[in-house]
N, C-alpha and C. Protein backbone atom coordinates (compact mmCIF):
# COMPACT_ATOMS: atom_id res chain seq x y z
N MET A 1 75.47 183.08 153.57
CA MET A 1 75.78 182.89 152.16
C MET A 1 75.88 181.41 151.86
N ALA A 2 74.76 180.81 151.51
CA ALA A 2 74.73 179.37 151.32
C ALA A 2 75.67 178.92 150.22
N HIS A 3 75.90 179.77 149.20
CA HIS A 3 76.72 179.35 148.07
C HIS A 3 78.17 179.13 148.45
N MET A 4 78.58 179.53 149.68
CA MET A 4 79.92 179.21 150.14
C MET A 4 80.09 177.70 150.25
N ASN A 5 78.98 176.99 150.47
CA ASN A 5 79.06 175.55 150.68
C ASN A 5 79.49 174.80 149.44
N ARG A 6 79.53 175.45 148.29
CA ARG A 6 80.02 174.79 147.08
C ARG A 6 81.53 174.56 147.16
N SER A 7 82.19 175.28 148.03
CA SER A 7 83.64 175.14 148.19
C SER A 7 83.95 173.92 149.04
N PRO A 8 85.09 173.25 148.78
CA PRO A 8 85.49 172.13 149.65
C PRO A 8 85.89 172.61 151.04
N PHE A 9 86.08 173.92 151.20
CA PHE A 9 86.41 174.48 152.51
C PHE A 9 85.14 174.93 153.23
N SER A 10 85.16 174.87 154.55
CA SER A 10 84.00 175.28 155.32
C SER A 10 83.83 176.79 155.28
N ASN A 11 82.60 177.24 155.55
CA ASN A 11 82.34 178.69 155.62
C ASN A 11 83.26 179.36 156.63
N ASP A 12 83.50 178.68 157.76
CA ASP A 12 84.33 179.26 158.81
C ASP A 12 85.74 179.57 158.30
N ILE A 13 86.32 178.65 157.54
CA ILE A 13 87.67 178.86 157.02
C ILE A 13 87.68 179.99 155.99
N ILE A 14 86.69 180.00 155.12
CA ILE A 14 86.61 181.04 154.09
C ILE A 14 86.49 182.42 154.73
N LEU A 15 85.60 182.55 155.71
CA LEU A 15 85.40 183.84 156.37
C LEU A 15 86.62 184.25 157.20
N LEU A 16 87.27 183.26 157.82
CA LEU A 16 88.48 183.55 158.57
C LEU A 16 89.55 184.14 157.66
N ALA A 17 89.75 183.51 156.51
CA ALA A 17 90.78 183.98 155.56
C ALA A 17 90.45 185.38 155.04
N ILE A 18 89.19 185.60 154.68
CA ILE A 18 88.78 186.92 154.16
C ILE A 18 88.99 187.99 155.23
N HIS A 19 88.54 187.69 156.44
CA HIS A 19 88.65 188.67 157.53
C HIS A 19 90.10 189.00 157.84
N TRP A 20 90.95 188.00 157.93
CA TRP A 20 92.36 188.27 158.23
C TRP A 20 93.01 189.10 157.13
N TYR A 21 92.67 188.81 155.89
CA TYR A 21 93.28 189.57 154.79
C TYR A 21 92.86 191.03 154.83
N LEU A 22 91.59 191.28 155.15
CA LEU A 22 91.07 192.64 155.16
C LEU A 22 91.43 193.42 156.43
N ARG A 23 91.77 192.70 157.49
CA ARG A 23 92.03 193.37 158.76
C ARG A 23 93.51 193.60 159.04
N TYR A 24 94.36 192.69 158.60
CA TYR A 24 95.77 192.76 158.95
C TYR A 24 96.63 193.06 157.72
N ALA A 25 97.83 193.57 157.97
CA ALA A 25 98.74 193.92 156.88
C ALA A 25 99.45 192.66 156.39
N LEU A 26 98.73 191.87 155.59
CA LEU A 26 99.24 190.58 155.10
C LEU A 26 99.11 190.50 153.59
N SER A 27 100.08 189.88 152.96
CA SER A 27 99.92 189.52 151.55
C SER A 27 99.18 188.19 151.48
N TYR A 28 98.74 187.81 150.28
CA TYR A 28 98.08 186.51 150.14
C TYR A 28 99.03 185.37 150.48
N ARG A 29 100.29 185.51 150.12
CA ARG A 29 101.26 184.45 150.43
C ARG A 29 101.53 184.37 151.93
N ASP A 30 101.55 185.51 152.60
CA ASP A 30 101.66 185.50 154.06
C ASP A 30 100.52 184.71 154.67
N LEU A 31 99.32 184.99 154.20
CA LEU A 31 98.13 184.35 154.74
C LEU A 31 98.13 182.85 154.43
N GLU A 32 98.58 182.48 153.26
CA GLU A 32 98.69 181.06 152.90
C GLU A 32 99.60 180.34 153.91
N GLU A 33 100.73 180.94 154.25
CA GLU A 33 101.67 180.33 155.19
C GLU A 33 101.08 180.24 156.59
N ILE A 34 100.39 181.29 157.03
CA ILE A 34 99.78 181.29 158.36
C ILE A 34 98.74 180.19 158.48
N LEU A 35 97.91 180.04 157.46
CA LEU A 35 96.88 179.00 157.48
C LEU A 35 97.52 177.61 157.45
N GLU A 36 98.60 177.47 156.68
CA GLU A 36 99.28 176.18 156.60
C GLU A 36 99.83 175.77 157.97
N GLU A 37 100.33 176.74 158.73
CA GLU A 37 100.83 176.46 160.08
C GLU A 37 99.73 175.96 160.99
N ARG A 38 98.49 176.27 160.64
CA ARG A 38 97.34 175.82 161.43
C ARG A 38 96.67 174.60 160.82
N GLY A 39 97.36 173.97 159.89
CA GLY A 39 96.86 172.74 159.30
C GLY A 39 95.85 172.93 158.19
N ILE A 40 95.75 174.15 157.66
CA ILE A 40 94.80 174.44 156.59
C ILE A 40 95.59 174.71 155.31
N GLU A 41 95.50 173.83 154.36
CA GLU A 41 96.24 173.99 153.11
C GLU A 41 95.34 174.61 152.04
N VAL A 42 95.61 175.86 151.74
CA VAL A 42 94.82 176.57 150.73
C VAL A 42 95.77 177.48 149.95
N ASP A 43 95.66 177.46 148.64
CA ASP A 43 96.55 178.26 147.81
C ASP A 43 96.19 179.74 147.91
N HIS A 44 97.21 180.60 147.82
CA HIS A 44 96.96 182.04 147.94
C HIS A 44 96.02 182.55 146.85
N SER A 45 96.03 181.92 145.68
CA SER A 45 95.12 182.35 144.61
C SER A 45 93.67 182.05 144.95
N THR A 46 93.46 180.99 145.73
CA THR A 46 92.10 180.66 146.17
C THR A 46 91.58 181.71 147.15
N ILE A 47 92.44 182.16 148.05
CA ILE A 47 92.05 183.22 148.99
C ILE A 47 91.70 184.49 148.22
N ASN A 48 92.49 184.78 147.20
CA ASN A 48 92.21 185.93 146.33
C ASN A 48 90.81 185.84 145.74
N ARG A 49 90.45 184.66 145.25
CA ARG A 49 89.11 184.48 144.66
C ARG A 49 88.02 184.65 145.70
N TRP A 50 88.26 184.15 146.91
CA TRP A 50 87.27 184.31 147.98
C TRP A 50 87.02 185.79 148.27
N VAL A 51 88.08 186.56 148.37
CA VAL A 51 87.93 187.99 148.66
C VAL A 51 87.12 188.67 147.57
N LYS A 52 87.44 188.39 146.32
CA LYS A 52 86.73 189.03 145.20
C LYS A 52 85.27 188.58 145.13
N ARG A 53 85.02 187.31 145.45
CA ARG A 53 83.68 186.77 145.28
C ARG A 53 82.72 187.17 146.39
N TYR A 54 83.20 187.16 147.64
CA TYR A 54 82.28 187.31 148.77
C TYR A 54 82.26 188.70 149.39
N THR A 55 83.30 189.49 149.20
CA THR A 55 83.33 190.82 149.83
C THR A 55 82.19 191.73 149.39
N PRO A 56 81.79 191.75 148.10
CA PRO A 56 80.66 192.61 147.72
C PRO A 56 79.37 192.30 148.48
N ASP A 57 79.09 191.02 148.74
CA ASP A 57 77.89 190.67 149.51
C ASP A 57 78.02 191.11 150.96
N ILE A 58 79.22 190.96 151.51
CA ILE A 58 79.46 191.40 152.88
C ILE A 58 79.27 192.91 152.99
N GLU A 59 79.76 193.66 152.00
CA GLU A 59 79.57 195.11 152.00
C GLU A 59 78.09 195.46 151.93
N LYS A 60 77.36 194.77 151.08
CA LYS A 60 75.93 195.04 150.93
C LYS A 60 75.20 194.83 152.26
N ASN A 61 75.52 193.74 152.96
CA ASN A 61 74.88 193.46 154.24
C ASN A 61 75.30 194.47 155.30
N PHE A 62 76.55 194.91 155.25
CA PHE A 62 76.98 195.92 156.22
C PHE A 62 76.21 197.22 156.05
N ARG A 63 76.05 197.65 154.82
CA ARG A 63 75.38 198.94 154.58
C ARG A 63 73.94 198.93 155.09
N LYS A 64 73.30 197.78 155.11
CA LYS A 64 71.94 197.67 155.63
C LYS A 64 71.92 197.89 157.14
N ARG A 65 73.05 197.66 157.80
CA ARG A 65 73.10 197.71 159.26
C ARG A 65 74.05 198.80 159.78
N LYS A 66 74.48 199.67 158.92
CA LYS A 66 75.43 200.72 159.33
C LYS A 66 74.73 201.76 160.21
N ARG A 67 75.37 202.09 161.30
CA ARG A 67 74.80 203.09 162.21
C ARG A 67 74.79 204.47 161.55
N PRO A 68 73.82 205.31 161.90
CA PRO A 68 73.79 206.68 161.37
C PRO A 68 75.04 207.44 161.79
N THR A 69 75.45 208.37 160.96
CA THR A 69 76.63 209.18 161.26
C THR A 69 76.22 210.63 161.48
N GLY A 70 77.18 211.45 161.93
CA GLY A 70 76.90 212.85 162.23
C GLY A 70 76.77 213.71 160.98
N GLY A 71 76.32 214.94 161.18
CA GLY A 71 76.05 215.84 160.05
C GLY A 71 77.18 216.79 159.71
N SER A 72 78.30 216.68 160.43
CA SER A 72 79.47 217.51 160.14
C SER A 72 80.56 216.61 159.59
N TRP A 73 80.84 216.73 158.29
CA TRP A 73 81.76 215.80 157.62
C TRP A 73 83.12 216.44 157.39
N ARG A 74 84.14 215.58 157.36
CA ARG A 74 85.49 215.95 156.96
C ARG A 74 85.86 215.07 155.78
N MET A 75 86.14 215.65 154.64
CA MET A 75 86.38 214.88 153.42
C MET A 75 87.79 215.15 152.90
N ASP A 76 88.43 214.08 152.42
CA ASP A 76 89.78 214.19 151.87
C ASP A 76 89.99 213.01 150.93
N LYS A 77 91.08 213.04 150.18
CA LYS A 77 91.40 211.90 149.32
C LYS A 77 92.83 211.45 149.59
N THR A 78 93.08 210.19 149.32
CA THR A 78 94.43 209.65 149.41
C THR A 78 94.72 208.89 148.13
N TYR A 79 95.91 208.34 148.02
CA TYR A 79 96.36 207.74 146.76
C TYR A 79 96.55 206.24 146.90
N VAL A 80 96.14 205.52 145.86
CA VAL A 80 96.26 204.06 145.83
C VAL A 80 96.81 203.67 144.46
N LYS A 81 97.78 202.78 144.44
CA LYS A 81 98.39 202.39 143.17
C LYS A 81 97.65 201.20 142.57
N VAL A 82 97.22 201.34 141.31
CA VAL A 82 96.53 200.28 140.56
C VAL A 82 97.24 200.12 139.22
N LYS A 83 97.72 198.92 138.95
CA LYS A 83 98.47 198.64 137.71
C LYS A 83 99.61 199.64 137.51
N GLY A 84 100.26 199.98 138.59
CA GLY A 84 101.41 200.87 138.53
C GLY A 84 101.09 202.34 138.43
N LEU A 85 99.80 202.69 138.43
CA LEU A 85 99.39 204.09 138.31
C LEU A 85 98.63 204.53 139.55
N TRP A 86 98.80 205.79 139.92
CA TRP A 86 98.10 206.30 141.10
C TRP A 86 96.64 206.58 140.78
N LYS A 87 95.76 206.06 141.65
CA LYS A 87 94.33 206.35 141.60
C LYS A 87 93.96 207.06 142.90
N TYR A 88 92.71 207.46 143.02
CA TYR A 88 92.32 208.37 144.10
C TYR A 88 91.19 207.78 144.92
N LEU A 89 91.45 207.66 146.22
CA LEU A 89 90.45 207.13 147.14
C LEU A 89 89.86 208.29 147.93
N TYR A 90 88.63 208.66 147.58
CA TYR A 90 87.91 209.71 148.30
C TYR A 90 87.30 209.09 149.55
N ARG A 91 87.44 209.79 150.69
CA ARG A 91 86.92 209.29 151.95
C ARG A 91 86.37 210.46 152.77
N ALA A 92 85.42 210.15 153.63
CA ALA A 92 84.91 211.17 154.55
C ALA A 92 84.58 210.51 155.88
N VAL A 93 84.81 211.27 156.96
CA VAL A 93 84.41 210.84 158.30
C VAL A 93 83.62 211.98 158.93
N ASP A 94 82.87 211.68 159.99
CA ASP A 94 82.21 212.76 160.71
C ASP A 94 83.17 213.29 161.79
N LYS A 95 82.72 214.25 162.56
CA LYS A 95 83.63 214.89 163.52
C LYS A 95 84.03 213.95 164.65
N GLU A 96 83.31 212.84 164.81
CA GLU A 96 83.67 211.84 165.81
C GLU A 96 84.63 210.80 165.24
N GLY A 97 84.90 210.87 163.94
CA GLY A 97 85.80 209.91 163.31
C GLY A 97 85.12 208.73 162.68
N ASN A 98 83.79 208.68 162.73
CA ASN A 98 83.07 207.58 162.09
C ASN A 98 83.11 207.73 160.58
N THR A 99 83.33 206.63 159.89
CA THR A 99 83.43 206.68 158.44
C THR A 99 82.07 206.96 157.81
N ILE A 100 82.03 207.95 156.94
CA ILE A 100 80.82 208.27 156.19
C ILE A 100 80.75 207.38 154.96
N ASP A 101 81.73 207.50 154.07
CA ASP A 101 81.74 206.71 152.84
C ASP A 101 83.10 206.82 152.17
N PHE A 102 83.23 206.13 151.05
CA PHE A 102 84.50 206.07 150.32
C PHE A 102 84.21 205.79 148.86
N LEU A 103 85.13 206.19 147.98
CA LEU A 103 84.96 205.94 146.55
C LEU A 103 86.33 205.98 145.88
N LEU A 104 86.65 204.93 145.13
CA LEU A 104 87.89 204.88 144.35
C LEU A 104 87.61 205.40 142.95
N THR A 105 88.42 206.34 142.49
CA THR A 105 88.23 206.92 141.16
C THR A 105 89.55 206.95 140.40
N SER A 106 89.43 207.05 139.08
CA SER A 106 90.62 207.14 138.23
C SER A 106 91.14 208.57 138.13
N LYS A 107 90.23 209.54 138.34
CA LYS A 107 90.61 210.94 138.20
C LYS A 107 90.31 211.70 139.48
N ARG A 108 90.94 212.86 139.63
CA ARG A 108 90.64 213.74 140.76
C ARG A 108 90.18 215.08 140.20
N ASP A 109 88.94 215.14 139.80
CA ASP A 109 88.39 216.35 139.21
C ASP A 109 87.01 216.62 139.80
N THR A 110 86.34 217.63 139.29
CA THR A 110 85.03 217.99 139.82
C THR A 110 84.03 216.85 139.67
N ALA A 111 84.06 216.17 138.53
CA ALA A 111 83.13 215.06 138.30
C ALA A 111 83.35 213.94 139.31
N ALA A 112 84.61 213.63 139.61
CA ALA A 112 84.92 212.58 140.58
C ALA A 112 84.46 212.99 141.97
N ALA A 113 84.72 214.24 142.35
CA ALA A 113 84.29 214.73 143.66
C ALA A 113 82.77 214.70 143.77
N HIS A 114 82.09 215.13 142.70
CA HIS A 114 80.63 215.12 142.71
C HIS A 114 80.09 213.70 142.85
N ARG A 115 80.71 212.73 142.17
CA ARG A 115 80.29 211.33 142.30
C ARG A 115 80.42 210.86 143.74
N PHE A 116 81.52 211.24 144.38
CA PHE A 116 81.71 210.84 145.77
C PHE A 116 80.62 211.43 146.66
N PHE A 117 80.38 212.73 146.54
CA PHE A 117 79.38 213.37 147.39
C PHE A 117 77.99 212.79 147.14
N LYS A 118 77.68 212.50 145.88
CA LYS A 118 76.39 211.91 145.55
C LYS A 118 76.23 210.55 146.21
N LYS A 119 77.27 209.72 146.12
CA LYS A 119 77.22 208.39 146.75
C LYS A 119 77.09 208.52 148.27
N ALA A 120 77.92 209.37 148.87
CA ALA A 120 77.92 209.52 150.32
C ALA A 120 76.57 210.02 150.84
N ILE A 121 75.99 210.98 150.14
CA ILE A 121 74.72 211.55 150.58
C ILE A 121 73.58 210.57 150.34
N ASN A 122 73.59 209.86 149.23
CA ASN A 122 72.56 208.85 148.98
C ASN A 122 72.56 207.77 150.06
N ASN A 123 73.75 207.43 150.55
CA ASN A 123 73.87 206.36 151.54
C ASN A 123 73.70 206.83 152.98
N ASN A 124 73.95 208.12 153.23
CA ASN A 124 74.01 208.59 154.62
C ASN A 124 73.14 209.79 154.94
N GLY A 125 72.49 210.36 153.94
CA GLY A 125 71.68 211.54 154.18
C GLY A 125 72.48 212.82 153.94
N VAL A 126 71.78 213.94 153.94
CA VAL A 126 72.39 215.24 153.63
C VAL A 126 73.06 215.81 154.88
N PRO A 127 74.35 216.14 154.81
CA PRO A 127 75.03 216.72 155.97
C PRO A 127 74.72 218.21 156.10
N ASP A 128 75.01 218.75 157.27
CA ASP A 128 74.87 220.20 157.47
C ASP A 128 76.04 220.94 156.85
N LYS A 129 77.23 220.35 156.99
CA LYS A 129 78.45 221.01 156.50
C LYS A 129 79.48 219.96 156.12
N ILE A 130 80.36 220.33 155.20
CA ILE A 130 81.46 219.45 154.79
C ILE A 130 82.74 220.27 154.81
N ASN A 131 83.72 219.80 155.55
CA ASN A 131 85.04 220.44 155.55
C ASN A 131 85.94 219.74 154.54
N ILE A 132 86.61 220.52 153.70
CA ILE A 132 87.47 219.99 152.66
C ILE A 132 88.82 220.69 152.70
N ASP A 133 89.77 220.19 151.90
CA ASP A 133 91.04 220.89 151.75
C ASP A 133 90.84 222.05 150.76
N LYS A 134 91.91 222.62 150.30
CA LYS A 134 91.80 223.77 149.41
C LYS A 134 91.59 223.38 147.94
N SER A 135 91.26 222.13 147.70
CA SER A 135 91.06 221.66 146.33
C SER A 135 89.84 222.33 145.69
N GLY A 136 90.07 222.98 144.58
CA GLY A 136 88.96 223.61 143.86
C GLY A 136 87.98 222.60 143.33
N ALA A 137 88.46 221.40 142.97
CA ALA A 137 87.58 220.36 142.44
C ALA A 137 86.60 219.88 143.51
N ASN A 138 87.08 219.72 144.74
CA ASN A 138 86.19 219.27 145.82
C ASN A 138 85.11 220.32 146.10
N LYS A 139 85.52 221.57 146.14
CA LYS A 139 84.56 222.65 146.38
C LYS A 139 83.53 222.71 145.26
N ALA A 140 84.00 222.59 144.03
CA ALA A 140 83.09 222.62 142.88
C ALA A 140 82.16 221.41 142.91
N GLY A 141 82.64 220.27 143.40
CA GLY A 141 81.81 219.07 143.48
C GLY A 141 80.63 219.27 144.42
N ILE A 142 80.88 219.90 145.57
CA ILE A 142 79.79 220.18 146.51
C ILE A 142 78.84 221.23 145.93
N GLN A 143 79.40 222.26 145.34
CA GLN A 143 78.56 223.31 144.75
C GLN A 143 77.67 222.74 143.65
N THR A 144 78.22 221.83 142.85
CA THR A 144 77.43 221.19 141.80
C THR A 144 76.29 220.39 142.40
N TYR A 145 76.60 219.66 143.49
CA TYR A 145 75.54 218.87 144.14
C TYR A 145 74.46 219.79 144.70
N ASN A 146 74.87 220.87 145.36
CA ASN A 146 73.89 221.81 145.90
C ASN A 146 72.99 222.37 144.80
N GLU A 147 73.59 222.78 143.70
CA GLU A 147 72.83 223.40 142.61
C GLU A 147 71.86 222.42 141.97
N ARG A 148 72.29 221.18 141.78
CA ARG A 148 71.45 220.20 141.09
C ARG A 148 70.32 219.67 141.97
N ASN A 149 70.50 219.77 143.29
CA ASN A 149 69.52 219.16 144.18
C ASN A 149 68.82 220.15 145.11
N GLY A 150 69.14 221.42 144.96
CA GLY A 150 68.45 222.43 145.74
C GLY A 150 68.83 222.45 147.21
N PHE A 151 70.03 222.00 147.54
CA PHE A 151 70.49 222.00 148.93
C PHE A 151 71.43 223.18 149.17
N ASN A 152 71.72 223.40 150.44
CA ASN A 152 72.65 224.47 150.80
C ASN A 152 73.65 223.94 151.83
N ILE A 153 74.34 222.88 151.46
CA ILE A 153 75.34 222.30 152.35
C ILE A 153 76.48 223.31 152.53
N GLU A 154 76.80 223.60 153.78
CA GLU A 154 77.87 224.56 154.07
C GLU A 154 79.24 223.97 153.71
N ILE A 155 80.05 224.73 153.04
CA ILE A 155 81.40 224.30 152.66
C ILE A 155 82.41 225.01 153.55
N ARG A 156 83.26 224.23 154.21
CA ARG A 156 84.31 224.80 155.05
C ARG A 156 85.67 224.34 154.53
N GLU A 157 86.67 225.17 154.69
CA GLU A 157 88.03 224.84 154.22
C GLU A 157 89.03 225.14 155.33
N CYS A 158 88.87 224.43 156.43
CA CYS A 158 89.72 224.61 157.61
C CYS A 158 90.67 223.41 157.71
N LYS A 159 91.95 223.63 157.52
CA LYS A 159 92.92 222.55 157.43
C LYS A 159 92.95 221.65 158.66
N TYR A 160 92.97 222.23 159.87
CA TYR A 160 93.14 221.40 161.06
C TYR A 160 91.94 220.48 161.30
N LEU A 161 90.76 220.88 160.81
CA LEU A 161 89.58 220.03 160.98
C LEU A 161 89.70 218.73 160.20
N ASN A 162 90.54 218.73 159.17
CA ASN A 162 90.70 217.52 158.37
C ASN A 162 91.77 216.58 158.90
N ASN A 163 92.39 216.95 160.03
CA ASN A 163 93.40 216.06 160.61
C ASN A 163 92.82 214.68 160.91
N ILE A 164 91.57 214.64 161.33
CA ILE A 164 90.95 213.39 161.74
C ILE A 164 90.79 212.42 160.56
N VAL A 165 90.46 212.93 159.38
CA VAL A 165 90.32 212.04 158.23
C VAL A 165 91.70 211.69 157.67
N GLU A 166 92.63 212.62 157.73
CA GLU A 166 93.99 212.32 157.26
C GLU A 166 94.63 211.23 158.11
N GLN A 167 94.40 211.28 159.42
CA GLN A 167 94.92 210.23 160.30
C GLN A 167 94.23 208.90 160.03
N ASP A 168 92.95 208.96 159.69
CA ASP A 168 92.21 207.73 159.41
C ASP A 168 92.71 207.05 158.14
N HIS A 169 93.20 207.84 157.19
CA HIS A 169 93.79 207.26 155.97
C HIS A 169 94.90 206.27 156.32
N ARG A 170 95.64 206.57 157.39
CA ARG A 170 96.82 205.76 157.72
C ARG A 170 96.47 204.31 158.00
N PHE A 171 95.31 204.10 158.61
CA PHE A 171 94.91 202.72 158.92
C PHE A 171 94.65 201.94 157.64
N ILE A 172 94.06 202.60 156.66
CA ILE A 172 93.79 201.95 155.38
C ILE A 172 95.10 201.69 154.64
N LYS A 173 95.97 202.69 154.60
CA LYS A 173 97.24 202.55 153.90
C LYS A 173 98.12 201.47 154.54
N LYS A 174 98.04 201.34 155.86
CA LYS A 174 98.82 200.31 156.56
C LYS A 174 98.44 198.91 156.09
N ILE A 175 97.15 198.68 155.88
CA ILE A 175 96.69 197.35 155.46
C ILE A 175 97.08 197.06 154.02
N ILE A 176 97.03 198.04 153.14
CA ILE A 176 97.30 197.77 151.72
C ILE A 176 98.78 197.78 151.38
N ARG A 177 99.62 198.25 152.30
CA ARG A 177 101.06 198.36 151.99
C ARG A 177 101.67 197.03 151.54
N PRO A 178 101.42 195.89 152.24
CA PRO A 178 102.03 194.62 151.79
C PRO A 178 101.49 194.12 150.46
N MET A 179 100.38 194.67 150.00
CA MET A 179 99.78 194.23 148.74
C MET A 179 100.57 194.73 147.53
N LEU A 180 101.40 195.76 147.73
CA LEU A 180 102.27 196.30 146.67
C LEU A 180 101.49 196.72 145.43
N GLY A 181 100.35 197.33 145.65
CA GLY A 181 99.52 197.78 144.52
C GLY A 181 98.55 196.72 144.07
N PHE A 182 97.53 197.16 143.35
CA PHE A 182 96.49 196.26 142.85
C PHE A 182 96.68 196.03 141.36
N LYS A 183 96.24 194.84 140.90
CA LYS A 183 96.44 194.50 139.49
C LYS A 183 95.33 195.03 138.58
N ASN A 184 94.14 195.28 139.14
CA ASN A 184 93.09 195.89 138.33
C ASN A 184 92.17 196.74 139.20
N PHE A 185 91.47 197.64 138.56
CA PHE A 185 90.68 198.64 139.26
C PHE A 185 89.53 198.01 140.05
N ASN A 186 88.82 197.07 139.44
CA ASN A 186 87.66 196.48 140.10
C ASN A 186 88.07 195.72 141.35
N TYR A 187 89.18 194.99 141.26
CA TYR A 187 89.66 194.25 142.43
C TYR A 187 90.09 195.22 143.52
N ALA A 188 90.72 196.33 143.14
CA ALA A 188 91.10 197.34 144.13
C ALA A 188 89.86 197.89 144.83
N ARG A 189 88.82 198.16 144.06
CA ARG A 189 87.58 198.71 144.62
C ARG A 189 86.96 197.74 145.63
N ILE A 190 86.92 196.45 145.28
CA ILE A 190 86.34 195.44 146.16
C ILE A 190 87.15 195.30 147.44
N THR A 191 88.46 195.20 147.29
CA THR A 191 89.33 195.00 148.45
C THR A 191 89.27 196.20 149.39
N LEU A 192 89.32 197.40 148.85
CA LEU A 192 89.26 198.60 149.68
C LEU A 192 87.94 198.69 150.42
N ALA A 193 86.85 198.28 149.77
CA ALA A 193 85.55 198.28 150.45
C ALA A 193 85.58 197.34 151.65
N GLY A 194 86.18 196.16 151.47
CA GLY A 194 86.28 195.22 152.58
C GLY A 194 87.11 195.76 153.72
N ILE A 195 88.23 196.41 153.40
CA ILE A 195 89.09 197.00 154.43
C ILE A 195 88.34 198.09 155.18
N GLU A 196 87.58 198.90 154.45
CA GLU A 196 86.79 199.97 155.08
C GLU A 196 85.73 199.38 156.01
N ILE A 197 85.11 198.27 155.61
CA ILE A 197 84.08 197.65 156.44
C ILE A 197 84.66 197.18 157.76
N VAL A 198 85.79 196.48 157.69
CA VAL A 198 86.43 196.01 158.92
C VAL A 198 86.79 197.19 159.81
N ARG A 199 87.29 198.24 159.20
CA ARG A 199 87.63 199.46 159.96
C ARG A 199 86.39 200.04 160.64
N MET A 200 85.27 200.08 159.94
CA MET A 200 84.04 200.61 160.52
C MET A 200 83.52 199.72 161.64
N ILE A 201 83.65 198.41 161.50
CA ILE A 201 83.23 197.51 162.57
C ILE A 201 84.06 197.79 163.82
N LYS A 202 85.36 197.98 163.65
CA LYS A 202 86.24 198.28 164.79
C LYS A 202 85.85 199.60 165.46
N LYS A 203 85.29 200.51 164.68
CA LYS A 203 84.84 201.80 165.23
C LYS A 203 83.47 201.68 165.91
N GLY A 204 82.82 200.52 165.82
CA GLY A 204 81.51 200.35 166.42
C GLY A 204 80.37 200.82 165.54
N GLN A 205 80.57 200.81 164.22
CA GLN A 205 79.56 201.35 163.31
C GLN A 205 78.58 200.31 162.78
N LEU A 206 78.70 199.06 163.20
CA LEU A 206 77.75 198.03 162.79
C LEU A 206 76.64 197.95 163.82
N CYS A 207 75.41 198.18 163.38
CA CYS A 207 74.25 198.12 164.26
C CYS A 207 73.79 196.67 164.35
N LEU A 208 74.15 196.03 165.45
CA LEU A 208 73.90 194.60 165.60
C LEU A 208 73.52 194.34 167.05
N GLU A 209 72.47 193.54 167.25
CA GLU A 209 72.03 193.22 168.60
C GLU A 209 73.16 192.56 169.38
N ASN A 210 73.40 193.06 170.59
CA ASN A 210 74.42 192.49 171.47
C ASN A 210 75.83 192.65 170.91
N SER A 211 76.04 193.65 170.04
CA SER A 211 77.35 193.81 169.41
C SER A 211 78.45 194.11 170.42
N ALA A 212 78.09 194.71 171.57
CA ALA A 212 79.10 195.03 172.58
C ALA A 212 79.77 193.78 173.13
N ASN A 213 79.08 192.66 173.04
CA ASN A 213 79.62 191.40 173.56
C ASN A 213 80.25 190.53 172.47
N LEU A 214 80.32 191.06 171.25
CA LEU A 214 80.88 190.30 170.14
C LEU A 214 82.22 190.89 169.72
N THR A 215 83.14 190.03 169.32
CA THR A 215 84.42 190.50 168.81
C THR A 215 84.23 191.10 167.42
N VAL A 216 85.25 191.81 166.95
CA VAL A 216 85.21 192.34 165.59
C VAL A 216 85.03 191.20 164.59
N ALA A 217 85.72 190.09 164.81
CA ALA A 217 85.62 188.94 163.91
C ALA A 217 84.20 188.39 163.89
N GLU A 218 83.59 188.24 165.06
CA GLU A 218 82.23 187.70 165.13
C GLU A 218 81.23 188.62 164.44
N GLN A 219 81.42 189.92 164.59
CA GLN A 219 80.54 190.86 163.91
C GLN A 219 80.73 190.77 162.39
N PHE A 220 81.98 190.63 161.96
CA PHE A 220 82.25 190.48 160.53
C PHE A 220 81.60 189.22 159.99
N TYR A 221 81.73 188.10 160.70
CA TYR A 221 81.16 186.83 160.24
C TYR A 221 79.64 186.91 160.12
N SER A 222 79.02 187.72 160.99
CA SER A 222 77.55 187.83 160.95
C SER A 222 77.06 188.44 159.65
N LEU A 223 77.92 189.16 158.95
CA LEU A 223 77.53 189.81 157.70
C LEU A 223 77.46 188.84 156.54
N ALA A 224 77.90 187.61 156.74
CA ALA A 224 77.90 186.63 155.66
C ALA A 224 76.59 185.85 155.61
N PHE A 225 75.70 186.09 156.57
CA PHE A 225 74.48 185.27 156.63
C PHE A 225 73.23 186.13 156.67
């Protein structure tokens, strides 16, 4: 990302700050203090701007290199606070725990579920089956997708099969806890995407030459170029 060079800070510092914010349970002020201890003076609001500005490009580059996932999905939603109100983060993993996709929505209805399935399938291909909770909206969302596209994705509603995605939610919630909610929806969407990317890299989902010999940080930095 050559346009990083417009900043008085080096690309290395910018990427370090973004990666730490998305990977660890830190507030912007926490991160400002940590960097200051290392001789880097940068205001927390500047780090905020870096995350908003560069994370979408990093996500775009990650999706180009994301490893294929399995055809048996487990889908669930969790809750995220935006401007003091609860919003809904739809997520799915395969039976091995690899992240399929994610989508932040304002509502939890059939239309929202259908949007999630459409995004996930467009990005990852058509699954053989999707396990969901007992939510009628989620079931209707898959049925709507099947009807509109002529598919016959199997719908399962087995509670214990969703343990893997429910446990995976915890890693995301752990990172956002110090943030104390998001101030606007778009920023929440961008930040959550970045957190999901770091989580997927840790799971080994980035298809990168010699990735076994690279740290999570090094793999993350490679997405900026």
